[in-house]
Amino acid sequence: MQARQTDSMAASPETRDASVEIVEVSARDGLQSDPTHLPTAAKVELITRAVRAGLRRVEAVSFVNPKRVPQMADAEEVMAALLADDETRALGASYIGLVLNARGLGRAVATGVDEVNAVAVATDTFARRNQGMDAAALLDEVRGVVEGARAKGIRTSVTVAASFGCPYEGEVDLSRLEEVLAKVAAGRPDEVALADSIGVAVPADVAARVALARDVLDGSGATLRCHFHNTRNTGLANAVAAVEAGVRVLDSSLGGIGGCPFAPNATGNIPTEDLVYLLHRSGWATSVDLAAACDVVPWLEDQLGHSAPGYLSKAGIFPDVAKGADPPTDA
């Protein structure tokens, strides 16, 4: 059984106003490339457990071509079940749907999602592999999605994929990222996310690109968010670097499951429970009940039929205040 983390451990009194919002992406980015195709009921259960654990913004579904991403083919059924759940709605859950084009937006609006997330890409090759058009054409598509969602009163975010590096073109120059961010900002989304889609960034990259994004987005009204993959084991360090650079919204996935199906070897989102432990121990508050988040992971592993890469649910929360026992020794 996992240890319970007390409120006093989540953040010291003097830092209790210093909070970081976590966007839970396991149900979409986590499951979209997993070899196990979870049934609709299991997806709904995953999201419900996440909300009960204090994760209030959840990327729940993806309105993409089911032939390309069959794991997300039941978006309408998932959303119908979620919106019928009075408990999670009462808890303040906000459900995000990934949308790539006007057709996807129409589906999202019909289901009643709370937020829409569109995806721009920093490089042409990755944009073509991911969505069948170059980066400029994709930016036009994204702007149309944002404008269409805003007209319906739906909150919007735009994720800029390959912000830190491209699996096909390599390094992404700051000047290129600046150009893409400026075009994204011109569409006036509510939020913009820098995504390390293939997990190549290190903290110095994060500091530089967050500073650039803050400059470009200044005056646009858009919140800045970051999305890191742990492919090269730098994801959590990058998350800390982002928070230290002023970012207050981070994506993560329970158990650390997931990756991008259109980028070679882009496995592993940063684990929600590991991230929350790191933030809490560093004096940052979140809305997440850490022990409850840890408790979701063994259930999720059982559903998927394989282990998840996250560590905390296996190692346990420190200190183990619920057990009150002495720590184990090697003796």
Protein backbone atom coordinates (compact mmCIF):
# COMPACT_ATOMS: atom_id res chain seq x y z
CA MET A 1 0.00 0.00 0.00
CA GLN A 2 1.31 3.46 -0.87
CA ALA A 3 2.11 6.00 1.79
CA ARG A 4 -0.17 8.99 2.17
CA GLN A 5 1.45 12.36 1.69
CA THR A 6 0.14 14.97 4.13
CA ASP A 7 -0.94 18.44 3.06
CA SER A 8 1.91 19.97 5.03
CA MET A 9 4.38 17.99 2.92
CA ALA A 10 2.92 19.20 -0.38
CA ALA A 11 4.28 22.71 0.11
CA SER A 12 5.60 24.75 2.99
CA PRO A 13 3.35 27.60 4.21
CA GLU A 14 5.51 30.27 2.65
CA THR A 15 5.31 28.62 -0.78
CA ARG A 16 1.69 27.52 -0.73
CA ASP A 17 0.79 30.15 -3.35
CA ALA A 18 3.49 28.76 -5.67
CA SER A 19 1.54 26.16 -7.62
CA VAL A 20 1.97 24.20 -10.83
CA GLU A 21 -0.98 22.91 -12.86
CA ILE A 22 -0.69 19.38 -14.22
CA VAL A 23 -2.44 18.39 -17.46
CA GLU A 24 -2.93 14.62 -17.42
CA VAL A 25 -2.34 13.09 -20.88
CA SER A 26 -2.27 9.33 -20.22
CA ALA A 27 -5.69 8.71 -21.76
CA ARG A 28 -4.66 10.25 -25.09
CA ASP A 29 -0.92 10.67 -25.56
CA GLY A 30 -0.33 7.77 -23.22
CA LEU A 31 -2.59 5.26 -24.93
CA GLN A 32 -2.35 6.31 -28.58
CA SER A 33 0.83 4.35 -29.28
CA ASP A 34 0.46 1.58 -26.71
CA PRO A 35 0.25 -1.92 -28.19
CA THR A 36 -2.74 -2.66 -25.95
CA HIS A 37 -6.04 -1.22 -27.16
CA LEU A 38 -8.03 -0.49 -24.03
CA PRO A 39 -11.82 -0.82 -24.25
CA THR A 40 -13.92 2.29 -23.78
CA ALA A 41 -14.91 1.39 -20.22
CA ALA A 42 -11.26 1.07 -19.16
CA LYS A 43 -10.39 4.45 -20.69
CA VAL A 44 -13.27 6.07 -18.82
CA GLU A 45 -12.14 4.38 -15.62
CA LEU A 46 -8.57 5.66 -16.11
CA ILE A 47 -9.80 9.21 -16.56
CA THR A 48 -12.19 8.94 -13.62
CA ARG A 49 -9.41 7.67 -11.35
CA ALA A 50 -7.16 10.52 -12.51
CA VAL A 51 -9.81 13.12 -11.68
CA ARG A 52 -10.41 11.57 -8.26
CA ALA A 53 -6.67 11.85 -7.65
CA GLY A 54 -6.89 15.61 -8.15
CA LEU A 55 -5.98 15.91 -11.84
CA ARG A 56 -8.49 18.46 -13.05
CA ARG A 57 -7.43 18.98 -16.67
CA VAL A 58 -7.33 15.74 -18.63
CA GLU A 59 -6.52 15.22 -22.30
CA ALA A 60 -9.20 12.59 -22.67
CA VAL A 61 -9.70 11.91 -26.38
CA SER A 62 -8.38 12.51 -29.87
CA PHE A 63 -10.56 13.35 -32.87
CA VAL A 64 -8.20 12.06 -35.52
CA ASN A 65 -8.56 9.61 -38.36
CA PRO A 66 -9.24 6.25 -36.67
CA LYS A 67 -7.39 4.45 -39.46
CA ARG A 68 -4.18 6.25 -38.47
CA VAL A 69 -4.66 6.07 -34.70
CA PRO A 70 -7.10 3.20 -34.02
CA GLN A 71 -6.58 3.43 -30.26
CA MET A 72 -8.54 6.71 -30.32
CA ALA A 73 -11.45 5.53 -32.49
CA ASP A 74 -13.99 5.62 -29.64
CA ALA A 75 -13.67 9.33 -28.75
CA GLU A 76 -17.42 9.96 -28.91
CA GLU A 77 -18.21 7.03 -26.63
CA VAL A 78 -15.56 8.05 -24.10
CA MET A 79 -16.80 11.65 -23.96
CA ALA A 80 -20.44 10.59 -23.66
CA ALA A 81 -19.59 8.46 -20.61
CA LEU A 82 -17.48 11.19 -19.02
CA LEU A 83 -20.05 13.92 -19.43
CA ALA A 84 -22.71 11.68 -17.92
CA ASP A 85 -20.61 11.24 -14.76
CA ASP A 86 -21.89 13.74 -12.22
CA GLU A 87 -19.05 13.00 -9.78
CA THR A 88 -16.17 14.06 -12.00
CA ARG A 89 -18.07 17.06 -13.31
CA ALA A 90 -18.76 18.16 -9.74
CA LEU A 91 -15.04 17.85 -9.01
CA GLY A 92 -14.37 20.39 -11.77
CA ALA A 93 -12.91 18.12 -14.42
CA SER A 94 -12.10 19.80 -17.74
CA TYR A 95 -11.79 17.44 -20.69
CA ILE A 96 -9.50 18.22 -23.62
CA GLY A 97 -9.90 16.81 -27.11
CA LEU A 98 -7.03 16.74 -29.62
CA VAL A 99 -8.15 18.20 -32.95
CA LEU A 100 -6.11 18.34 -36.15
CA ASN A 101 -8.54 19.83 -38.68
CA ALA A 102 -12.04 21.17 -39.30
CA ARG A 103 -13.56 17.70 -39.44
CA GLY A 104 -12.05 16.84 -36.07
CA LEU A 105 -13.30 20.13 -34.65
CA GLY A 106 -16.83 19.33 -35.76
CA ARG A 107 -16.67 16.01 -33.95
CA ALA A 108 -15.21 17.65 -30.84
CA VAL A 109 -17.89 20.32 -30.69
CA ALA A 110 -20.62 17.71 -31.10
CA THR A 111 -19.33 15.72 -28.11
CA GLY A 112 -19.18 18.71 -25.78
CA VAL A 113 -15.47 18.81 -24.94
CA ASP A 114 -14.38 21.58 -22.59
CA GLU A 115 -11.16 22.37 -24.42
CA VAL A 116 -9.63 21.79 -27.84
CA ASN A 117 -5.92 21.23 -28.41
CA ALA A 118 -4.55 21.70 -31.93
CA VAL A 119 -1.05 20.72 -33.05
CA ALA A 120 1.42 22.81 -35.04
CA VAL A 121 4.84 21.43 -35.97
CA ALA A 122 8.14 23.30 -36.03
CA THR A 123 9.56 21.46 -39.08
CA ASP A 124 8.23 20.62 -42.52
CA THR A 125 9.28 16.96 -42.62
CA PHE A 126 7.71 16.09 -39.29
CA ALA A 127 4.57 18.03 -40.26
CA ARG A 128 4.25 16.00 -43.46
CA ARG A 129 4.82 12.69 -41.64
CA ASN A 130 2.44 13.64 -38.86
CA GLN A 131 -0.35 15.39 -40.75
CA GLY A 132 0.35 15.20 -44.46
CA MET A 133 1.18 18.87 -45.10
CA ASP A 134 4.09 21.25 -44.59
CA ALA A 135 4.42 23.41 -41.49
CA ALA A 136 2.98 26.54 -43.12
CA ALA A 137 -0.13 24.78 -44.37
CA LEU A 138 -0.55 23.13 -40.99
CA LEU A 139 -0.34 26.50 -39.25
CA ASP A 140 -3.20 27.71 -41.44
CA GLU A 141 -5.19 24.62 -40.45
CA VAL A 142 -4.44 25.23 -36.77
CA ARG A 143 -5.56 28.83 -36.98
CA GLY A 144 -8.86 27.69 -38.48
CA VAL A 145 -9.35 25.20 -35.64
CA VAL A 146 -8.62 27.86 -33.01
CA GLU A 147 -10.96 30.37 -34.59
CA GLY A 148 -13.70 27.78 -35.03
CA ALA A 149 -13.44 26.60 -31.42
CA ARG A 150 -13.38 30.15 -30.09
CA ALA A 151 -16.55 30.93 -32.04
CA LYS A 152 -18.21 28.09 -30.14
CA GLY A 153 -16.95 29.37 -26.80
CA ILE A 154 -14.49 26.51 -26.34
CA ARG A 155 -11.10 27.09 -24.72
CA THR A 156 -8.18 26.49 -27.10
CA SER A 157 -4.55 25.46 -26.86
CA VAL A 158 -1.92 24.86 -29.52
CA THR A 159 0.94 22.41 -29.01
CA VAL A 160 4.05 23.13 -31.07
CA ALA A 161 5.53 19.71 -31.74
CA ALA A 162 9.28 19.26 -32.29
CA SER A 163 10.00 22.54 -30.49
CA PHE A 164 13.32 21.16 -29.25
CA GLY A 165 14.36 18.88 -32.09
CA CYS A 166 13.03 16.93 -35.07
CA PRO A 167 13.46 13.20 -35.71
CA TYR A 168 13.94 13.90 -39.42
CA GLU A 169 15.63 17.33 -39.66
CA GLY A 170 17.64 17.31 -36.44
CA GLU A 171 18.24 20.56 -34.58
CA VAL A 172 15.51 23.20 -34.70
CA ASP A 173 16.98 26.70 -34.77
CA LEU A 174 15.62 29.27 -32.36
CA SER A 175 14.83 31.51 -35.33
CA ARG A 176 12.65 28.78 -36.83
CA LEU A 177 10.82 28.23 -33.55
CA GLU A 178 10.32 31.98 -33.18
CA GLU A 179 8.73 32.14 -36.63
CA VAL A 180 6.34 29.29 -35.85
CA LEU A 181 5.43 30.67 -32.43
CA ALA A 182 4.69 34.09 -33.88
CA LYS A 183 2.23 32.57 -36.35
CA VAL A 184 0.62 30.51 -33.60
CA ALA A 185 0.30 33.57 -31.35
CA ALA A 186 -1.34 35.53 -34.16
CA GLY A 187 -4.30 33.14 -33.95
CA ARG A 188 -4.71 34.07 -30.26
CA PRO A 189 -5.17 30.66 -28.63
CA ASP A 190 -5.69 30.62 -24.87
CA GLU A 191 -2.57 28.52 -24.32
CA VAL A 192 0.56 27.47 -26.22
CA ALA A 193 2.61 24.38 -25.36
CA LEU A 194 6.23 23.74 -26.27
CA ALA A 195 6.57 20.01 -26.90
CA ASP A 196 9.76 17.98 -26.81
CA SER A 197 8.12 15.33 -28.98
CA ILE A 198 11.18 13.07 -29.18
CA GLY A 199 12.77 13.71 -25.78
CA VAL A 200 16.02 15.37 -26.87
CA ALA A 201 15.99 18.53 -24.74
CA VAL A 202 18.20 19.32 -21.76
CA PRO A 203 17.57 22.07 -19.18
CA ALA A 204 19.67 24.66 -21.04
CA ASP A 205 17.47 24.16 -24.11
CA VAL A 206 14.38 24.58 -21.98
CA ALA A 207 15.60 27.83 -20.45
CA ALA A 208 16.42 29.29 -23.87
CA ARG A 209 13.20 28.22 -25.60
CA VAL A 210 10.91 29.16 -22.74
CA ALA A 211 12.50 32.63 -22.68
CA LEU A 212 11.94 32.91 -26.42
CA ALA A 213 8.33 31.76 -26.16
CA ARG A 214 7.60 34.19 -23.34
CA ASP A 215 8.91 37.05 -25.46
CA VAL A 216 6.92 36.01 -28.54
CA LEU A 217 3.71 35.41 -26.59
CA ASP A 218 4.01 38.60 -24.54
CA GLY A 219 0.82 40.59 -24.96
CA SER A 220 -1.06 37.75 -26.65
CA GLY A 221 -2.81 36.64 -23.47
CA ALA A 222 -1.74 33.03 -24.02
CA THR A 223 -0.56 30.87 -21.13
CA LEU A 224 2.68 28.94 -21.72
CA ARG A 225 2.72 25.19 -21.11
CA CYS A 226 5.42 22.54 -21.60
CA HIS A 227 5.21 18.91 -22.70
CA PHE A 228 8.27 16.71 -22.17
CA HIS A 229 9.09 13.16 -23.14
CA ASN A 230 11.58 11.15 -21.13
CA THR A 231 13.10 9.28 -24.06
CA ARG A 232 16.66 10.18 -23.05
CA ASN A 233 15.97 10.36 -19.30
CA THR A 234 16.00 14.18 -19.15
CA GLY A 235 12.26 14.81 -18.93
CA LEU A 236 12.00 15.50 -15.19
CA ALA A 237 15.08 17.74 -15.23
CA ASN A 238 13.49 19.64 -18.08
CA ALA A 239 10.24 20.00 -16.14
CA VAL A 240 12.13 21.59 -13.24
CA ALA A 241 13.94 23.90 -15.66
CA ALA A 242 10.60 24.97 -17.14
CA VAL A 243 9.12 25.75 -13.73
CA GLU A 244 12.22 27.67 -12.73
CA ALA A 245 11.87 29.63 -15.98
CA GLY A 246 8.32 30.63 -15.05
CA VAL A 247 6.16 27.94 -16.67
CA ARG A 248 3.23 26.99 -14.45
CA VAL A 249 1.50 24.33 -16.57
CA LEU A 250 3.08 20.96 -17.38
CA ASP A 251 1.84 17.86 -19.20
CA SER A 252 2.47 14.40 -17.78
CA SER A 253 1.13 10.86 -17.99
CA LEU A 254 0.29 8.46 -15.18
CA GLY A 255 2.94 5.75 -15.11
CA GLY A 256 4.90 7.60 -17.80
CA ILE A 257 3.14 5.70 -20.57
CA GLY A 258 2.98 7.00 -24.10
CA GLY A 259 4.88 8.54 -26.95
CA CYS A 260 4.36 9.83 -30.47
CA PRO A 261 3.36 7.17 -33.04
CA PHE A 262 4.79 9.30 -35.87
CA ALA A 263 8.26 9.87 -34.38
CA PRO A 264 10.74 6.97 -34.23
CA ASN A 265 11.62 5.86 -30.67
CA ALA A 266 9.69 8.76 -29.05
CA THR A 267 8.63 6.69 -26.09
CA GLY A 268 7.77 7.88 -22.65
CA ASN A 269 5.97 10.91 -21.30
CA ILE A 270 7.19 12.06 -17.91
CA PRO A 271 5.30 10.14 -15.19
CA THR A 272 2.69 12.22 -13.39
CA GLU A 273 3.37 10.69 -10.00
CA ASP A 274 7.15 11.11 -10.32
CA LEU A 275 6.69 14.73 -11.42
CA VAL A 276 4.31 15.55 -8.57
CA TYR A 277 6.67 13.99 -6.02
CA LEU A 278 9.51 16.10 -7.39
CA LEU A 279 7.42 19.28 -7.31
CA HIS A 280 6.03 18.69 -3.83
CA ARG A 281 9.43 17.90 -2.35
CA SER A 282 10.76 21.07 -3.98
CA GLY A 283 8.09 23.24 -2.36
CA TRP A 284 5.69 23.57 -5.28
CA ALA A 285 2.01 22.87 -4.71
CA THR A 286 -0.26 20.98 -7.11
CA SER A 287 -3.89 19.85 -6.94
CA VAL A 288 -2.81 16.19 -7.00
CA ASP A 289 -3.19 13.66 -4.18
CA LEU A 290 0.16 11.96 -4.71
CA ALA A 291 -0.72 8.66 -3.05
CA ALA A 292 -3.96 8.42 -5.01
CA ALA A 293 -2.07 9.05 -8.26
CA CYS A 294 0.42 6.30 -7.36
CA ASP A 295 -2.44 3.93 -6.65
CA VAL A 296 -3.71 4.30 -10.23
CA VAL A 297 -0.50 2.95 -11.77
CA PRO A 298 -0.68 -0.74 -10.72
CA TRP A 299 -4.28 -0.81 -11.93
CA LEU A 300 -3.21 0.74 -15.25
CA GLU A 301 -0.36 -1.74 -15.65
CA ASP A 302 -2.83 -4.57 -15.10
CA GLN A 303 -5.15 -3.17 -17.77
CA LEU A 304 -2.30 -2.77 -20.27
CA GLY A 305 -0.71 -6.11 -19.49
CA HIS A 306 2.76 -4.62 -19.08
CA SER A 307 4.70 -2.46 -16.65
CA ALA A 308 4.82 1.33 -16.86
CA PRO A 309 8.16 3.18 -16.82
CA GLY A 310 7.40 5.41 -13.82
CA TYR A 311 9.39 4.78 -10.63
CA LEU A 312 7.51 6.28 -7.70
CA SER A 313 4.61 3.82 -7.63
CA LYS A 314 7.17 1.03 -7.33
CA ALA A 315 9.63 2.67 -4.92
CA GLY A 316 7.03 4.32 -2.69
CA ILE A 317 6.59 7.85 -1.38
CA PHE A 318 9.19 9.15 1.05
CA PRO A 319 8.73 9.50 3.94
CA ASP A 320 6.20 6.72 4.39
CA VAL A 321 3.99 8.62 6.83
CA ALA A 322 1.09 6.17 6.60
CA LYS A 323 3.11 3.16 7.70
CA GLY A 324 5.23 5.04 10.21
CA ALA A 325 7.84 2.31 9.86
CA ASP A 326 11.60 2.52 9.77
CA PRO A 327 13.02 2.55 6.24
CA PRO A 328 14.35 -0.78 4.94
CA THR A 329 18.08 -1.43 5.07
CA ASP A 330 20.44 -3.59 3.06
CA ALA A 331 21.36 -5.58 6.19
